[in-house]
Amino acid sequence: MKNLQNLRILFIAAIAMMYTTTSTAQQNDEIQNYDQKFKLGFGVSGGLPTDSDDYDWALGGDVRLQYDLSKRTSLTLTTGFTNLFVGDNIPDLGFIPAKAGFKAFVWEDQFYIMGEVGAGFAVTNGYNNTSLLWAPSIGYATKHLDISVRYEDYDKFNTNQIALRLAYGFEL
């Protein structure tokens, strides 16, 4: 009886190993056969503050370089210009963001989640702070169109925002 139980365990282990080896081989073929490529996107975004009355709204433009590691994962570099429009008697804050990120497509190769981290360099109206910024986002992308919503936090600027980004992109 003990030999029969050992035989069952050995049989189940063999099937599990065979399944794992086959799955890994298929995944490795997908990775090796995937044509890794660069993409470039140009976007515009508008945002609203979530935590303070420091500014009324934001408007920005960006350029994003994306390198596809696989069909479902990418690395990103994003820069551009964002202006935080402040109320009366206080000058607006304009800054240049520089962010690196990771994008993962989670559903039907079109819906994604992304996280970015970097710095915001103040460049207008005498502001001289450089702020740590981080931005998680969710989005939808097709071959040329990218629509996303992100939360973006600026450590030194004492504020954050929810922003909508619309972008056009293409393969390089």
Protein backbone atom coordinates (compact mmCIF):
# COMPACT_ATOMS: atom_id res chain seq x y z
CA MET A 1 0.00 0.00 0.00
CA LYS A 2 2.85 2.36 0.83
CA ASN A 3 4.44 1.65 -2.57
CA LEU A 4 1.16 2.55 -4.30
CA GLN A 5 1.03 5.87 -2.45
CA ASN A 6 4.66 6.62 -3.34
CA LEU A 7 3.89 5.76 -6.97
CA ARG A 8 0.94 8.20 -6.99
CA ILE A 9 3.09 11.00 -5.54
CA LEU A 10 5.82 10.27 -8.11
CA PHE A 11 3.23 10.26 -10.94
CA ILE A 12 1.70 13.60 -9.80
CA ALA A 13 5.17 15.13 -9.44
CA ALA A 14 6.13 13.97 -12.95
CA ILE A 15 2.97 15.48 -14.46
CA ALA A 16 3.52 18.73 -12.57
CA MET A 17 7.13 18.94 -13.79
CA MET A 18 6.12 18.18 -17.36
CA TYR A 19 3.40 20.87 -17.25
CA THR A 20 5.77 23.43 -15.73
CA THR A 21 8.49 22.69 -18.29
CA THR A 22 6.03 22.95 -21.19
CA SER A 23 4.56 26.23 -19.86
CA THR A 24 8.01 27.71 -19.28
CA ALA A 25 9.15 26.72 -22.76
CA GLN A 26 6.11 28.39 -24.33
CA GLN A 27 6.63 31.55 -22.29
CA ASN A 28 10.34 31.64 -23.20
CA ASP A 29 9.45 31.23 -26.90
CA GLU A 30 7.00 34.15 -26.59
CA ILE A 31 9.68 36.31 -24.96
CA GLN A 32 12.37 35.33 -27.47
CA ASN A 33 10.03 35.82 -30.45
CA TYR A 34 8.61 39.15 -29.22
CA ASP A 35 9.92 42.10 -31.21
CA GLN A 36 10.98 44.53 -28.50
CA LYS A 37 10.54 48.09 -29.67
CA PHE A 38 10.49 51.73 -28.72
CA LYS A 39 7.39 53.90 -28.84
CA LEU A 40 7.09 57.66 -28.59
CA GLY A 41 3.99 59.48 -27.37
CA PHE A 42 2.93 63.10 -27.13
CA GLY A 43 0.25 63.93 -24.59
CA VAL A 44 -1.74 66.70 -22.99
CA SER A 45 -3.16 66.50 -19.48
CA GLY A 46 -5.41 68.50 -17.22
CA GLY A 47 -5.73 68.08 -13.49
CA LEU A 48 -7.52 69.17 -10.36
CA PRO A 49 -6.05 69.38 -6.83
CA THR A 50 -7.15 66.82 -4.27
CA ASP A 51 -5.77 68.12 -1.00
CA SER A 52 -5.52 71.89 -0.80
CA ASP A 53 -6.60 75.27 -2.04
CA ASP A 54 -3.06 76.11 -3.18
CA TYR A 55 -4.01 76.06 -6.85
CA ASP A 56 -7.14 75.87 -8.95
CA TRP A 57 -6.19 73.53 -11.80
CA ALA A 58 -3.26 72.22 -13.85
CA LEU A 59 -2.47 71.94 -17.54
CA GLY A 60 0.51 70.21 -19.07
CA GLY A 61 2.08 68.61 -22.09
CA ASP A 62 4.47 65.69 -22.14
CA VAL A 63 6.66 63.43 -24.23
CA ARG A 64 6.93 59.76 -23.24
CA LEU A 65 9.47 57.26 -24.51
CA GLN A 66 8.38 53.67 -23.96
CA TYR A 67 10.48 50.52 -24.35
CA ASP A 68 8.47 47.30 -24.56
CA LEU A 69 10.14 44.54 -22.56
CA SER A 70 7.43 42.09 -23.58
CA LYS A 71 3.93 42.17 -24.98
CA ARG A 72 2.58 43.12 -21.54
CA THR A 73 5.38 45.10 -19.82
CA SER A 74 7.20 48.32 -20.65
CA LEU A 75 9.65 50.81 -19.19
CA THR A 76 8.87 54.52 -19.62
CA LEU A 77 10.64 57.88 -19.44
CA THR A 78 8.41 60.97 -19.35
CA THR A 79 9.16 64.70 -19.42
CA GLY A 80 7.34 67.85 -20.48
CA PHE A 81 5.93 70.94 -18.80
CA THR A 82 3.12 71.33 -16.27
CA ASN A 83 1.63 74.59 -15.01
CA LEU A 84 -0.26 74.80 -11.73
CA PHE A 85 -2.66 77.74 -12.02
CA VAL A 86 -2.89 79.51 -8.67
CA GLY A 87 -5.52 81.98 -7.50
CA ASP A 88 -5.28 85.78 -7.27
CA ASN A 89 -2.11 87.61 -6.18
CA ILE A 90 0.07 84.48 -6.21
CA PRO A 91 2.16 83.59 -9.28
CA ASP A 92 1.49 80.30 -11.08
CA LEU A 93 3.97 77.44 -10.64
CA GLY A 94 5.41 75.92 -13.80
CA PHE A 95 7.68 72.90 -13.61
CA ILE A 96 9.38 70.29 -15.75
CA PRO A 97 8.72 66.72 -14.63
CA ALA A 98 11.29 63.98 -15.26
CA LYS A 99 9.89 60.54 -14.45
CA ALA A 100 10.84 56.90 -14.97
CA GLY A 101 8.14 54.27 -14.85
CA PHE A 102 6.94 50.72 -15.32
CA LYS A 103 3.77 49.88 -17.28
CA ALA A 104 1.99 46.52 -17.10
CA PHE A 105 -0.94 45.57 -19.31
CA VAL A 106 -3.37 43.63 -17.16
CA TRP A 107 -6.41 43.01 -19.34
CA GLU A 108 -6.75 42.29 -23.06
CA ASP A 109 -3.36 43.91 -23.83
CA GLN A 110 -5.03 47.34 -23.76
CA PHE A 111 -5.85 48.18 -20.13
CA TYR A 112 -2.81 48.92 -18.02
CA ILE A 113 -1.53 50.05 -14.65
CA MET A 114 1.60 52.15 -14.38
CA GLY A 115 3.80 53.62 -11.69
CA GLU A 116 6.21 56.50 -12.18
CA VAL A 117 8.69 58.23 -9.90
CA GLY A 118 10.97 61.18 -10.52
CA ALA A 119 11.46 64.89 -9.91
CA GLY A 120 9.66 68.12 -10.73
CA PHE A 121 11.95 71.09 -11.45
CA ALA A 122 10.26 74.46 -10.82
CA VAL A 123 11.12 76.89 -13.65
CA THR A 124 8.75 79.89 -13.46
CA ASN A 125 8.04 82.96 -11.36
CA GLY A 126 11.00 82.67 -9.02
CA TYR A 127 10.11 79.24 -7.63
CA ASN A 128 13.31 77.30 -7.06
CA ASN A 129 12.23 74.04 -5.44
CA THR A 130 12.80 70.62 -6.92
CA SER A 131 10.15 68.19 -5.77
CA LEU A 132 10.06 64.44 -5.54
CA LEU A 133 7.03 63.28 -7.49
CA TRP A 134 5.35 59.93 -7.86
CA ALA A 135 2.38 58.99 -9.97
CA PRO A 136 0.38 55.75 -10.11
CA SER A 137 -2.05 55.57 -13.04
CA ILE A 138 -4.52 53.38 -14.88
CA GLY A 139 -5.17 53.63 -18.58
CA TYR A 140 -6.31 52.29 -21.91
CA ALA A 141 -4.00 52.15 -24.94
CA THR A 142 -4.45 51.20 -28.58
CA LYS A 143 -1.84 51.25 -31.34
CA HIS A 144 -1.87 55.09 -31.44
CA LEU A 145 -4.16 56.37 -28.67
CA ASP A 146 -3.47 56.41 -24.92
CA ILE A 147 -5.97 57.63 -22.32
CA SER A 148 -5.10 57.49 -18.64
CA VAL A 149 -6.02 58.84 -15.23
CA ARG A 150 -3.27 59.37 -12.68
CA TYR A 151 -2.78 60.55 -9.16
CA GLU A 152 0.34 62.70 -8.95
CA ASP A 153 1.95 63.84 -5.69
CA TYR A 154 4.47 66.68 -5.40
CA ASP A 155 6.38 66.54 -2.12
CA LYS A 156 7.96 70.04 -2.07
CA PHE A 157 5.08 71.80 -3.85
CA ASN A 158 2.75 70.79 -0.98
CA THR A 159 -0.01 69.55 -3.25
CA ASN A 160 -1.15 66.72 -5.51
CA GLN A 161 -3.64 66.20 -8.30
CA ILE A 162 -5.85 63.81 -10.21
CA ALA A 163 -5.11 64.26 -13.92
CA LEU A 164 -6.53 63.01 -17.21
CA ARG A 165 -3.97 62.41 -20.00
CA LEU A 166 -4.77 62.07 -23.72
CA ALA A 167 -1.88 61.07 -25.96
CA TYR A 168 -0.97 60.05 -29.47
CA GLY A 169 1.86 57.57 -29.90
CA PHE A 170 3.69 55.60 -32.57
CA GLU A 171 6.46 53.04 -32.93
CA LEU A 172 9.96 54.24 -33.68
